Amino acid sequence: MKWNEALPLLKAKIGLDLHLTPEKNFKIVRDIPPYKCKNYNNSEGFRVQVGTNTYVNIPLDMLETIFEATKQNNNTYNRAIFETNFPRELNAKPCNVHSVGKLFEHAGIMQMVDKRNYKIL
């Protein structure tokens, strides 16, 4: 799969109020493109609720970077991929790792293979 195939899946399959982790109370998609991620130069992306009053912005640019890095890592996405590319975001909110993985999973782009790894389909 290429990014130009993955991007339309993300936009089509990730909707408002989608519970990325249904068995948990959080990781709920609250905004979708064309939402502007303010702390990312208003790049288009998603806003995910990760706590009672806590949110993470996940711009499409971030998802593209992670997708391409995952392809270079034998199609495997995990914390190390996120940390290499976005150390500041990981330090601020470690839940970014699974929020990104779950977006890819719900879009049908990746599958969770164990507690820490996702694989591109």
C-alpha atoms as a PDB file:
ATOM      1  CA  MET A   1       0.000   0.000   0.000  1.00  0.00           C
ATOM      2  CA  LYS A   2       1.132   3.544  -0.747  1.00  0.00           C
ATOM      3  CA  TRP A   3       0.315   6.759   1.117  1.00  0.00           C
ATOM      4  CA  ASN A   4      -1.916   7.982  -1.724  1.00  0.00           C
ATOM      5  CA  GLU A   5      -4.019   4.849  -1.143  1.00  0.00           C
ATOM      6  CA  ALA A   6      -3.977   5.155   2.661  1.00  0.00           C
ATOM      7  CA  LEU A   7      -4.994   8.823   2.882  1.00  0.00           C
ATOM      8  CA  PRO A   8      -8.468   8.389   1.315  1.00  0.00           C
ATOM      9  CA  LEU A   9      -9.131   5.442   3.662  1.00  0.00           C
ATOM     10  CA  LEU A  10      -8.332   7.585   6.709  1.00  0.00           C
ATOM     11  CA  LYS A  11     -10.612  10.372   5.507  1.00  0.00           C
ATOM     12  CA  ALA A  12     -13.446   7.998   4.574  1.00  0.00           C
ATOM     13  CA  LYS A  13     -13.416   5.567   7.496  1.00  0.00           C
ATOM     14  CA  ILE A  14     -12.553   7.761  10.496  1.00  0.00           C
ATOM     15  CA  GLY A  15     -15.657   9.641  11.580  1.00  0.00           C
ATOM     16  CA  LEU A  16     -16.679  11.925  14.410  1.00  0.00           C
ATOM     17  CA  ASP A  17     -17.184  10.261  17.798  1.00  0.00           C
ATOM     18  CA  LEU A  18     -15.485   7.036  16.685  1.00  0.00           C
ATOM     19  CA  HIS A  19     -14.216   5.179  19.761  1.00  0.00           C
ATOM     20  CA  LEU A  20     -10.749   4.043  18.711  1.00  0.00           C
ATOM     21  CA  THR A  21     -10.584   1.728  21.732  1.00  0.00           C
ATOM     22  CA  PRO A  22     -14.233   0.771  22.404  1.00  0.00           C
ATOM     23  CA  GLU A  23     -13.524  -1.042  25.688  1.00  0.00           C
ATOM     24  CA  LYS A  24     -12.019   2.165  27.142  1.00  0.00           C
ATOM     25  CA  ASN A  25     -13.625   5.499  27.979  1.00  0.00           C
ATOM     26  CA  PHE A  26     -11.309   7.596  25.832  1.00  0.00           C
ATOM     27  CA  LYS A  27      -9.481   7.748  22.492  1.00  0.00           C
ATOM     28  CA  ILE A  28     -12.552   9.250  20.853  1.00  0.00           C
ATOM     29  CA  VAL A  29     -12.263  11.121  17.551  1.00  0.00           C
ATOM     30  CA  ARG A  30     -13.660  14.604  18.179  1.00  0.00           C
ATOM     31  CA  ASP A  31     -12.596  16.400  14.989  1.00  0.00           C
ATOM     32  CA  ILE A  32     -11.772  15.177  11.494  1.00  0.00           C
ATOM     33  CA  PRO A  33     -10.251  16.825   8.408  1.00  0.00           C
ATOM     34  CA  PRO A  34     -10.547  19.651   7.521  1.00  0.00           C
ATOM     35  CA  TYR A  35      -9.887  20.275  11.257  1.00  0.00           C
ATOM     36  CA  LYS A  36      -6.820  22.506  11.678  1.00  0.00           C
ATOM     37  CA  CYS A  37      -4.232  21.227  14.169  1.00  0.00           C
ATOM     38  CA  LYS A  38      -3.253  24.489  15.848  1.00  0.00           C
ATOM     39  CA  ASN A  39       0.060  23.316  17.291  1.00  0.00           C
ATOM     40  CA  TYR A  40       1.107  22.018  13.843  1.00  0.00           C
ATOM     41  CA  ASN A  41       0.893  25.216  11.767  1.00  0.00           C
ATOM     42  CA  ASN A  42      -2.828  24.614  11.230  1.00  0.00           C
ATOM     43  CA  SER A  43      -2.148  21.417   9.267  1.00  0.00           C
ATOM     44  CA  GLU A  44      -5.243  19.397   8.469  1.00  0.00           C
ATOM     45  CA  GLY A  45      -5.823  16.383  10.699  1.00  0.00           C
ATOM     46  CA  PHE A  46      -7.671  14.708  13.534  1.00  0.00           C
ATOM     47  CA  ARG A  47      -8.285  15.642  17.170  1.00  0.00           C
ATOM     48  CA  VAL A  48      -8.617  12.704  19.569  1.00  0.00           C
ATOM     49  CA  GLN A  49      -9.920  12.943  23.137  1.00  0.00           C
ATOM     50  CA  VAL A  50      -7.521  11.014  25.384  1.00  0.00           C
ATOM     51  CA  GLY A  51      -8.751  12.136  28.814  1.00  0.00           C
ATOM     52  CA  THR A  52     -11.641  13.959  30.481  1.00  0.00           C
ATOM     53  CA  ASN A  53     -10.444  17.322  29.173  1.00  0.00           C
ATOM     54  CA  THR A  54      -7.344  16.241  27.259  1.00  0.00           C
ATOM     55  CA  TYR A  55      -6.893  15.998  23.514  1.00  0.00           C
ATOM     56  CA  VAL A  56      -4.125  15.210  21.042  1.00  0.00           C
ATOM     57  CA  ASN A  57      -3.890  16.655  17.572  1.00  0.00           C
ATOM     58  CA  ILE A  58      -2.782  14.215  14.900  1.00  0.00           C
ATOM     59  CA  PRO A  59      -2.106  15.997  11.616  1.00  0.00           C
ATOM     60  CA  LEU A  60      -2.209  14.123   8.324  1.00  0.00           C
ATOM     61  CA  ASP A  61       1.467  15.089   7.836  1.00  0.00           C
ATOM     62  CA  MET A  62       2.326  13.144  11.007  1.00  0.00           C
ATOM     63  CA  LEU A  63       0.371  10.138   9.765  1.00  0.00           C
ATOM     64  CA  GLU A  64       2.189  10.267   6.430  1.00  0.00           C
ATOM     65  CA  THR A  65       5.602  10.449   8.138  1.00  0.00           C
ATOM     66  CA  ILE A  66       4.732   7.492  10.362  1.00  0.00           C
ATOM     67  CA  PHE A  67       3.290   5.504   7.443  1.00  0.00           C
ATOM     68  CA  GLU A  68       6.471   5.960   5.385  1.00  0.00           C
ATOM     69  CA  ALA A  69       8.728   5.158   8.376  1.00  0.00           C
ATOM     70  CA  THR A  70       6.646   2.033   9.047  1.00  0.00           C
ATOM     71  CA  LYS A  71       7.203   0.847   5.488  1.00  0.00           C
ATOM     72  CA  GLN A  72      10.968   1.209   6.055  1.00  0.00           C
ATOM     73  CA  ASN A  73      10.626  -0.856   9.253  1.00  0.00           C
ATOM     74  CA  ASN A  74       9.390  -4.053   7.624  1.00  0.00           C
ATOM     75  CA  ASN A  75       5.807  -2.650   7.620  1.00  0.00           C
ATOM     76  CA  THR A  76       5.807  -2.614  11.456  1.00  0.00           C
ATOM     77  CA  TYR A  77       4.684   0.414  13.498  1.00  0.00           C
ATOM     78  CA  ASN A  78       5.478   0.745  17.200  1.00  0.00           C
ATOM     79  CA  ARG A  79       6.663   3.163  19.873  1.00  0.00           C
ATOM     80  CA  ALA A  80      10.193   3.294  18.408  1.00  0.00           C
ATOM     81  CA  ILE A  81       8.875   4.572  15.066  1.00  0.00           C
ATOM     82  CA  PHE A  82       6.881   7.280  16.814  1.00  0.00           C
ATOM     83  CA  GLU A  83       9.766   8.205  19.123  1.00  0.00           C
ATOM     84  CA  THR A  84      12.250   8.526  16.269  1.00  0.00           C
ATOM     85  CA  ASN A  85      10.003  10.875  14.313  1.00  0.00           C
ATOM     86  CA  PHE A  86       8.103  12.729  17.053  1.00  0.00           C
ATOM     87  CA  PRO A  87      10.054  12.611  20.348  1.00  0.00           C
ATOM     88  CA  ARG A  88       8.495  15.838  21.695  1.00  0.00           C
ATOM     89  CA  GLU A  89       4.959  14.542  21.179  1.00  0.00           C
ATOM     90  CA  LEU A  90       5.830  11.175  22.725  1.00  0.00           C
ATOM     91  CA  ASN A  91       7.272  12.866  25.803  1.00  0.00           C
ATOM     92  CA  ALA A  92       4.220  15.111  26.179  1.00  0.00           C
ATOM     93  CA  LYS A  93       1.581  12.413  25.599  1.00  0.00           C
ATOM     94  CA  PRO A  94       2.709   8.774  25.280  1.00  0.00           C
ATOM     95  CA  CYS A  95      -0.854   7.853  24.283  1.00  0.00           C
ATOM     96  CA  ASN A  96      -0.062   9.370  20.873  1.00  0.00           C
ATOM     97  CA  VAL A  97       1.498   6.040  19.876  1.00  0.00           C
ATOM     98  CA  HIS A  98      -1.695   4.019  20.161  1.00  0.00           C
ATOM     99  CA  SER A  99      -3.942   6.873  19.042  1.00  0.00           C
ATOM    100  CA  VAL A 100      -2.043   6.871  15.737  1.00  0.00           C
ATOM    101  CA  GLY A 101      -2.029   3.070  15.535  1.00  0.00           C
ATOM    102  CA  LYS A 102      -5.768   2.909  16.193  1.00  0.00           C
ATOM    103  CA  LEU A 103      -6.495   5.510  13.502  1.00  0.00           C
ATOM    104  CA  PHE A 104      -4.612   3.346  11.006  1.00  0.00           C
ATOM    105  CA  GLU A 105      -6.341   0.212  12.302  1.00  0.00           C
ATOM    106  CA  HIS A 106      -9.867   1.615  12.042  1.00  0.00           C
ATOM    107  CA  ALA A 107      -9.108   2.872   8.531  1.00  0.00           C
ATOM    108  CA  GLY A 108      -8.186  -0.679   7.500  1.00  0.00           C
ATOM    109  CA  ILE A 109      -4.545   0.233   6.814  1.00  0.00           C
ATOM    110  CA  MET A 110      -2.845  -1.566   9.708  1.00  0.00           C
ATOM    111  CA  GLN A 111      -3.667  -4.404  12.068  1.00  0.00           C
ATOM    112  CA  MET A 112      -2.603  -4.646  15.705  1.00  0.00           C
ATOM    113  CA  VAL A 113      -0.476  -7.801  15.979  1.00  0.00           C
ATOM    114  CA  ASP A 114       0.263  -7.587  19.717  1.00  0.00           C
ATOM    115  CA  LYS A 115       0.075  -5.001  22.513  1.00  0.00           C
ATOM    116  CA  ARG A 116       2.941  -2.965  21.065  1.00  0.00           C
ATOM    117  CA  ASN A 117       3.016  -3.483  17.296  1.00  0.00           C
ATOM    118  CA  TYR A 118       0.880  -2.752  14.265  1.00  0.00           C
ATOM    119  CA  LYS A 119       1.476  -4.149  10.781  1.00  0.00           C
ATOM    120  CA  ILE A 120       0.542  -2.592   7.423  1.00  0.00           C
ATOM    121  CA  LEU A 121      -1.958  -4.858   5.678  1.00  0.00           C
END
